[in-house]
Amino acid sequence: MTPRRTQAERSDTTTSQLIGAARKLFGEYGYAATSIDAVAATAGVTKGAAYHHFDGKLGLFRAAFTREQEEIAGRLEQVAATTPDPWTALRLGCRTFLEHCLDPGFRRIVMLDAPSVLGWAEVREIEYAHTLRVLLTGLRAALGVLEGDELDASAIRAQLMFGALCEAGMLLARSPDPDAALPAMAMEADRLLTAFRTG
């Protein structure tokens, strides 16, 4: 006999279903064209359940964006763990981020909709907790710099590098052929890292 799930387990399952449905629909149709009713229906729950777990459509989008950030940050950490040195990890991480920008759902949620839906300050706050944190850690390791305040040289370089990667992701998102554009983007990211290393 299967043990009955606790209320917390059922709640976690519903939350997970809603975030999964939100990522699918926001990624495919965008924020403006996706309703909370559609997310609830895709998740197989009631609209009331969606409102119980999230503060409306904006809350669902924030959760979808955060999950995207968690996943790419986790992927970057996995890549870094397989490399022989910090610079190789950083270069491969930048390439991995750009490759991830080829995913249409990621591009739509992270690159296209998040800045206007959540606003720059909230987007950066979430990125600092995930993707930008990984990049900053990697850059500091590569430069041999201990963790410091947000205005130390490595933090400034990480912010600039992350900005460049996001802009490259935006260019990929708008490119008629993102796969063909990726090698040039990765090469330019590599040049920028080399400039950071020698500068």
C-alpha atoms as a PDB file:
ATOM      1  CA  MET A   1       0.000   0.000   0.000  1.00  0.00           C
ATOM      2  CA  THR A   2       1.322   3.428  -0.971  1.00  0.00           C
ATOM      3  CA  PRO A   3       1.667   5.773   2.010  1.00  0.00           C
ATOM      4  CA  ARG A   4      -0.491   8.898   1.890  1.00  0.00           C
ATOM      5  CA  ARG A   5       1.361  12.073   1.049  1.00  0.00           C
ATOM      6  CA  THR A   6       1.476  14.851   3.592  1.00  0.00           C
ATOM      7  CA  GLN A   7      -0.125  18.237   2.958  1.00  0.00           C
ATOM      8  CA  ALA A   8       3.363  19.723   2.459  1.00  0.00           C
ATOM      9  CA  GLU A   9       4.205  17.071  -0.151  1.00  0.00           C
ATOM     10  CA  ARG A  10       0.938  17.713  -2.010  1.00  0.00           C
ATOM     11  CA  SER A  11       1.591  21.456  -1.871  1.00  0.00           C
ATOM     12  CA  ASP A  12       5.134  20.987  -3.229  1.00  0.00           C
ATOM     13  CA  THR A  13       3.786  18.831  -6.050  1.00  0.00           C
ATOM     14  CA  THR A  14       1.178  21.432  -7.007  1.00  0.00           C
ATOM     15  CA  THR A  15       3.759  24.221  -6.879  1.00  0.00           C
ATOM     16  CA  SER A  16       6.099  22.185  -9.076  1.00  0.00           C
ATOM     17  CA  GLN A  17       3.331  21.446 -11.578  1.00  0.00           C
ATOM     18  CA  LEU A  18       2.407  25.119 -11.768  1.00  0.00           C
ATOM     19  CA  ILE A  19       6.016  26.256 -12.276  1.00  0.00           C
ATOM     20  CA  GLY A  20       6.527  23.605 -14.952  1.00  0.00           C
ATOM     21  CA  ALA A  21       3.367  24.695 -16.770  1.00  0.00           C
ATOM     22  CA  ALA A  22       4.308  28.367 -16.398  1.00  0.00           C
ATOM     23  CA  ARG A  23       7.758  27.764 -17.882  1.00  0.00           C
ATOM     24  CA  LYS A  24       6.240  25.870 -20.788  1.00  0.00           C
ATOM     25  CA  LEU A  25       3.600  28.479 -21.616  1.00  0.00           C
ATOM     26  CA  PHE A  26       5.632  31.626 -20.857  1.00  0.00           C
ATOM     27  CA  GLY A  27       8.493  30.123 -22.843  1.00  0.00           C
ATOM     28  CA  GLU A  28       6.304  29.296 -25.821  1.00  0.00           C
ATOM     29  CA  TYR A  29       3.843  32.195 -25.931  1.00  0.00           C
ATOM     30  CA  GLY A  30       5.394  34.915 -23.779  1.00  0.00           C
ATOM     31  CA  TYR A  31       4.113  36.692 -20.702  1.00  0.00           C
ATOM     32  CA  ALA A  32       1.484  38.875 -22.363  1.00  0.00           C
ATOM     33  CA  ALA A  33      -0.188  36.007 -24.234  1.00  0.00           C
ATOM     34  CA  THR A  34      -0.287  33.584 -21.289  1.00  0.00           C
ATOM     35  CA  SER A  35      -3.142  33.623 -18.786  1.00  0.00           C
ATOM     36  CA  ILE A  36      -3.168  32.217 -15.278  1.00  0.00           C
ATOM     37  CA  ASP A  37      -6.164  30.113 -16.375  1.00  0.00           C
ATOM     38  CA  ALA A  38      -4.039  28.500 -19.101  1.00  0.00           C
ATOM     39  CA  VAL A  39      -1.205  27.800 -16.660  1.00  0.00           C
ATOM     40  CA  ALA A  40      -3.607  26.202 -14.165  1.00  0.00           C
ATOM     41  CA  ALA A  41      -5.237  24.080 -16.899  1.00  0.00           C
ATOM     42  CA  THR A  42      -1.852  22.937 -18.238  1.00  0.00           C
ATOM     43  CA  ALA A  43      -0.745  22.066 -14.692  1.00  0.00           C
ATOM     44  CA  GLY A  44      -3.969  20.112 -14.143  1.00  0.00           C
ATOM     45  CA  VAL A  45      -5.049  22.205 -11.162  1.00  0.00           C
ATOM     46  CA  THR A  46      -7.770  24.761 -10.532  1.00  0.00           C
ATOM     47  CA  LYS A  47      -7.313  28.480 -10.972  1.00  0.00           C
ATOM     48  CA  GLY A  48      -7.970  28.782  -7.233  1.00  0.00           C
ATOM     49  CA  ALA A  49      -5.032  26.464  -6.540  1.00  0.00           C
ATOM     50  CA  ALA A  50      -2.811  28.660  -8.718  1.00  0.00           C
ATOM     51  CA  TYR A  51      -3.814  31.744  -6.732  1.00  0.00           C
ATOM     52  CA  HIS A  52      -3.338  29.833  -3.475  1.00  0.00           C
ATOM     53  CA  HIS A  53       0.291  29.086  -4.346  1.00  0.00           C
ATOM     54  CA  PHE A  54       1.242  32.250  -6.245  1.00  0.00           C
ATOM     55  CA  ASP A  55       0.388  35.916  -6.142  1.00  0.00           C
ATOM     56  CA  GLY A  56      -1.182  35.884  -9.596  1.00  0.00           C
ATOM     57  CA  LYS A  57       0.418  35.739 -13.008  1.00  0.00           C
ATOM     58  CA  LEU A  58       3.365  37.927 -11.998  1.00  0.00           C
ATOM     59  CA  GLY A  59       4.199  35.566  -9.130  1.00  0.00           C
ATOM     60  CA  LEU A  60       4.085  32.610 -11.501  1.00  0.00           C
ATOM     61  CA  PHE A  61       6.373  34.371 -13.939  1.00  0.00           C
ATOM     62  CA  ARG A  62       8.825  35.279 -11.157  1.00  0.00           C
ATOM     63  CA  ALA A  63       8.899  31.603 -10.102  1.00  0.00           C
ATOM     64  CA  ALA A  64       9.457  30.486 -13.716  1.00  0.00           C
ATOM     65  CA  PHE A  65      12.289  33.001 -14.146  1.00  0.00           C
ATOM     66  CA  THR A  66      13.878  31.951 -10.845  1.00  0.00           C
ATOM     67  CA  ARG A  67      13.701  28.276 -11.842  1.00  0.00           C
ATOM     68  CA  GLU A  68      15.425  29.095 -15.146  1.00  0.00           C
ATOM     69  CA  GLN A  69      18.171  30.867 -13.184  1.00  0.00           C
ATOM     70  CA  GLU A  70      18.534  27.951 -10.755  1.00  0.00           C
ATOM     71  CA  GLU A  71      18.880  25.469 -13.596  1.00  0.00           C
ATOM     72  CA  ILE A  72      21.463  27.394 -15.601  1.00  0.00           C
ATOM     73  CA  ALA A  73      23.455  28.163 -12.436  1.00  0.00           C
ATOM     74  CA  GLY A  74      23.422  24.456 -11.567  1.00  0.00           C
ATOM     75  CA  ARG A  75      24.541  23.572 -15.088  1.00  0.00           C
ATOM     76  CA  LEU A  76      27.406  26.076 -14.909  1.00  0.00           C
ATOM     77  CA  GLU A  77      28.531  24.627 -11.580  1.00  0.00           C
ATOM     78  CA  GLN A  78      28.473  21.118 -13.063  1.00  0.00           C
ATOM     79  CA  VAL A  79      30.573  22.279 -16.020  1.00  0.00           C
ATOM     80  CA  ALA A  80      33.073  23.993 -13.713  1.00  0.00           C
ATOM     81  CA  ALA A  81      33.442  20.825 -11.641  1.00  0.00           C
ATOM     82  CA  THR A  82      34.645  18.878 -14.710  1.00  0.00           C
ATOM     83  CA  THR A  83      37.392  21.286 -15.792  1.00  0.00           C
ATOM     84  CA  PRO A  84      41.068  21.267 -14.818  1.00  0.00           C
ATOM     85  CA  ASP A  85      41.481  24.943 -13.898  1.00  0.00           C
ATOM     86  CA  PRO A  86      39.438  28.092 -13.168  1.00  0.00           C
ATOM     87  CA  TRP A  87      40.102  29.779 -16.545  1.00  0.00           C
ATOM     88  CA  THR A  88      38.987  26.739 -18.491  1.00  0.00           C
ATOM     89  CA  ALA A  89      35.918  26.542 -16.263  1.00  0.00           C
ATOM     90  CA  LEU A  90      35.119  30.200 -16.898  1.00  0.00           C
ATOM     91  CA  ARG A  91      35.536  29.921 -20.666  1.00  0.00           C
ATOM     92  CA  LEU A  92      33.476  26.749 -20.846  1.00  0.00           C
ATOM     93  CA  GLY A  93      30.858  28.280 -18.555  1.00  0.00           C
ATOM     94  CA  CYS A  94      30.455  31.292 -20.848  1.00  0.00           C
ATOM     95  CA  ARG A  95      30.076  28.977 -23.840  1.00  0.00           C
ATOM     96  CA  THR A  96      27.541  26.872 -21.915  1.00  0.00           C
ATOM     97  CA  PHE A  97      25.514  29.973 -21.034  1.00  0.00           C
ATOM     98  CA  LEU A  98      25.430  31.050 -24.683  1.00  0.00           C
ATOM     99  CA  GLU A  99      24.453  27.540 -25.796  1.00  0.00           C
ATOM    100  CA  HIS A 100      21.641  27.636 -23.248  1.00  0.00           C
ATOM    101  CA  CYS A 101      20.436  30.855 -24.892  1.00  0.00           C
ATOM    102  CA  LEU A 102      19.612  28.742 -27.970  1.00  0.00           C
ATOM    103  CA  ASP A 103      16.693  27.268 -26.028  1.00  0.00           C
ATOM    104  CA  PRO A 104      13.634  29.265 -27.173  1.00  0.00           C
ATOM    105  CA  GLY A 105      11.893  29.042 -23.789  1.00  0.00           C
ATOM    106  CA  PHE A 106      14.953  30.302 -21.919  1.00  0.00           C
ATOM    107  CA  ARG A 107      15.394  33.142 -24.415  1.00  0.00           C
ATOM    108  CA  ARG A 108      11.759  34.184 -24.173  1.00  0.00           C
ATOM    109  CA  ILE A 109      11.555  34.089 -20.373  1.00  0.00           C
ATOM    110  CA  VAL A 110      15.032  35.266 -19.377  1.00  0.00           C
ATOM    111  CA  MET A 111      16.204  37.481 -22.217  1.00  0.00           C
ATOM    112  CA  LEU A 112      13.047  38.951 -23.691  1.00  0.00           C
ATOM    113  CA  ASP A 113      10.268  39.111 -21.096  1.00  0.00           C
ATOM    114  CA  ALA A 114      11.923  39.249 -17.660  1.00  0.00           C
ATOM    115  CA  PRO A 115      13.429  42.754 -17.944  1.00  0.00           C
ATOM    116  CA  SER A 116      10.085  44.341 -18.796  1.00  0.00           C
ATOM    117  CA  VAL A 117       7.889  42.106 -16.612  1.00  0.00           C
ATOM    118  CA  LEU A 118      10.005  42.074 -13.448  1.00  0.00           C
ATOM    119  CA  GLY A 119      12.103  45.187 -13.930  1.00  0.00           C
ATOM    120  CA  TRP A 120      15.878  45.494 -14.007  1.00  0.00           C
ATOM    121  CA  ALA A 121      16.367  45.619 -10.224  1.00  0.00           C
ATOM    122  CA  GLU A 122      14.456  42.409  -9.501  1.00  0.00           C
ATOM    123  CA  VAL A 123      15.996  40.575 -12.450  1.00  0.00           C
ATOM    124  CA  ARG A 124      19.495  41.455 -11.228  1.00  0.00           C
ATOM    125  CA  GLU A 125      18.655  40.500  -7.642  1.00  0.00           C
ATOM    126  CA  ILE A 126      17.571  37.029  -8.757  1.00  0.00           C
ATOM    127  CA  GLU A 127      20.563  36.706 -11.099  1.00  0.00           C
ATOM    128  CA  TYR A 128      22.931  37.693  -8.275  1.00  0.00           C
ATOM    129  CA  ALA A 129      21.567  34.764  -6.272  1.00  0.00           C
ATOM    130  CA  HIS A 130      22.152  32.316  -9.135  1.00  0.00           C
ATOM    131  CA  THR A 131      23.850  32.847 -12.515  1.00  0.00           C
ATOM    132  CA  LEU A 132      25.777  35.998 -11.684  1.00  0.00           C
ATOM    133  CA  ARG A 133      26.895  34.473  -8.380  1.00  0.00           C
ATOM    134  CA  VAL A 134      28.410  31.518 -10.277  1.00  0.00           C
ATOM    135  CA  LEU A 135      30.138  33.817 -12.777  1.00  0.00           C
ATOM    136  CA  LEU A 136      31.508  36.048 -10.034  1.00  0.00           C
ATOM    137  CA  THR A 137      32.797  33.042  -8.089  1.00  0.00           C
ATOM    138  CA  GLY A 138      34.409  31.656 -11.249  1.00  0.00           C
ATOM    139  CA  LEU A 139      36.004  34.943 -12.218  1.00  0.00           C
ATOM    140  CA  ARG A 140      37.385  35.493  -8.724  1.00  0.00           C
ATOM    141  CA  ALA A 141      38.833  31.975  -8.747  1.00  0.00           C
ATOM    142  CA  ALA A 142      40.389  32.574 -12.158  1.00  0.00           C
ATOM    143  CA  LEU A 143      41.876  35.897 -11.051  1.00  0.00           C
ATOM    144  CA  GLY A 144      42.986  34.519  -7.677  1.00  0.00           C
ATOM    145  CA  VAL A 145      40.956  37.183  -5.861  1.00  0.00           C
ATOM    146  CA  LEU A 146      39.339  36.526  -2.512  1.00  0.00           C
ATOM    147  CA  GLU A 147      35.692  37.441  -2.055  1.00  0.00           C
ATOM    148  CA  GLY A 148      35.293  41.125  -1.347  1.00  0.00           C
ATOM    149  CA  ASP A 149      32.783  43.895  -1.660  1.00  0.00           C
ATOM    150  CA  GLU A 150      30.596  44.461  -4.716  1.00  0.00           C
ATOM    151  CA  LEU A 151      32.900  47.163  -6.070  1.00  0.00           C
ATOM    152  CA  ASP A 152      36.164  45.243  -6.099  1.00  0.00           C
ATOM    153  CA  ALA A 153      37.774  44.710  -9.504  1.00  0.00           C
ATOM    154  CA  SER A 154      36.632  41.099  -9.883  1.00  0.00           C
ATOM    155  CA  ALA A 155      33.010  42.016  -9.097  1.00  0.00           C
ATOM    156  CA  ILE A 156      33.112  44.816 -11.669  1.00  0.00           C
ATOM    157  CA  ARG A 157      34.607  42.483 -14.264  1.00  0.00           C
ATOM    158  CA  ALA A 158      32.020  39.806 -13.490  1.00  0.00           C
ATOM    159  CA  GLN A 159      29.209  42.344 -13.867  1.00  0.00           C
ATOM    160  CA  LEU A 160      30.637  43.536 -17.186  1.00  0.00           C
ATOM    161  CA  MET A 161      31.132  39.977 -18.412  1.00  0.00           C
ATOM    162  CA  PHE A 162      27.621  39.002 -17.379  1.00  0.00           C
ATOM    163  CA  GLY A 163      26.256  42.066 -19.148  1.00  0.00           C
ATOM    164  CA  ALA A 164      28.151  41.075 -22.284  1.00  0.00           C
ATOM    165  CA  LEU A 165      26.824  37.502 -22.077  1.00  0.00           C
ATOM    166  CA  CYS A 166      23.260  38.762 -21.616  1.00  0.00           C
ATOM    167  CA  GLU A 167      23.637  41.073 -24.607  1.00  0.00           C
ATOM    168  CA  ALA A 168      25.033  38.186 -26.637  1.00  0.00           C
ATOM    169  CA  GLY A 169      22.025  36.133 -25.508  1.00  0.00           C
ATOM    170  CA  MET A 170      19.721  38.941 -26.666  1.00  0.00           C
ATOM    171  CA  LEU A 171      21.438  38.995 -30.047  1.00  0.00           C
ATOM    172  CA  LEU A 172      21.017  35.229 -30.279  1.00  0.00           C
ATOM    173  CA  ALA A 173      17.356  35.589 -29.319  1.00  0.00           C
ATOM    174  CA  ARG A 174      16.794  38.032 -32.164  1.00  0.00           C
ATOM    175  CA  SER A 175      18.980  36.272 -34.716  1.00  0.00           C
ATOM    176  CA  PRO A 176      17.198  34.586 -37.630  1.00  0.00           C
ATOM    177  CA  ASP A 177      19.615  31.659 -37.219  1.00  0.00           C
ATOM    178  CA  PRO A 178      20.813  31.444 -33.572  1.00  0.00           C
ATOM    179  CA  ASP A 179      22.753  28.199 -34.153  1.00  0.00           C
ATOM    180  CA  ALA A 180      24.824  29.826 -36.890  1.00  0.00           C
ATOM    181  CA  ALA A 181      25.417  32.944 -34.751  1.00  0.00           C
ATOM    182  CA  LEU A 182      26.611  31.004 -31.678  1.00  0.00           C
ATOM    183  CA  PRO A 183      30.265  30.380 -32.729  1.00  0.00           C
ATOM    184  CA  ALA A 184      30.912  34.092 -33.327  1.00  0.00           C
ATOM    185  CA  MET A 185      29.288  34.993 -29.993  1.00  0.00           C
ATOM    186  CA  ALA A 186      31.373  32.395 -28.145  1.00  0.00           C
ATOM    187  CA  MET A 187      34.571  33.617 -29.837  1.00  0.00           C
ATOM    188  CA  GLU A 188      33.879  37.217 -28.809  1.00  0.00           C
ATOM    189  CA  ALA A 189      33.107  36.145 -25.232  1.00  0.00           C
ATOM    190  CA  ASP A 190      36.436  34.308 -25.196  1.00  0.00           C
ATOM    191  CA  ARG A 191      38.242  37.441 -26.401  1.00  0.00           C
ATOM    192  CA  LEU A 192      36.605  39.500 -23.686  1.00  0.00           C
ATOM    193  CA  LEU A 193      37.680  36.980 -21.022  1.00  0.00           C
ATOM    194  CA  THR A 194      41.227  37.065 -22.380  1.00  0.00           C
ATOM    195  CA  ALA A 195      41.194  40.859 -22.123  1.00  0.00           C
ATOM    196  CA  PHE A 196      40.004  40.579 -18.513  1.00  0.00           C
ATOM    197  CA  ARG A 197      42.791  38.129 -17.785  1.00  0.00           C
ATOM    198  CA  THR A 198      45.558  40.231 -19.269  1.00  0.00           C
ATOM    199  CA  GLY A 199      44.107  43.596 -18.207  1.00  0.00           C
END
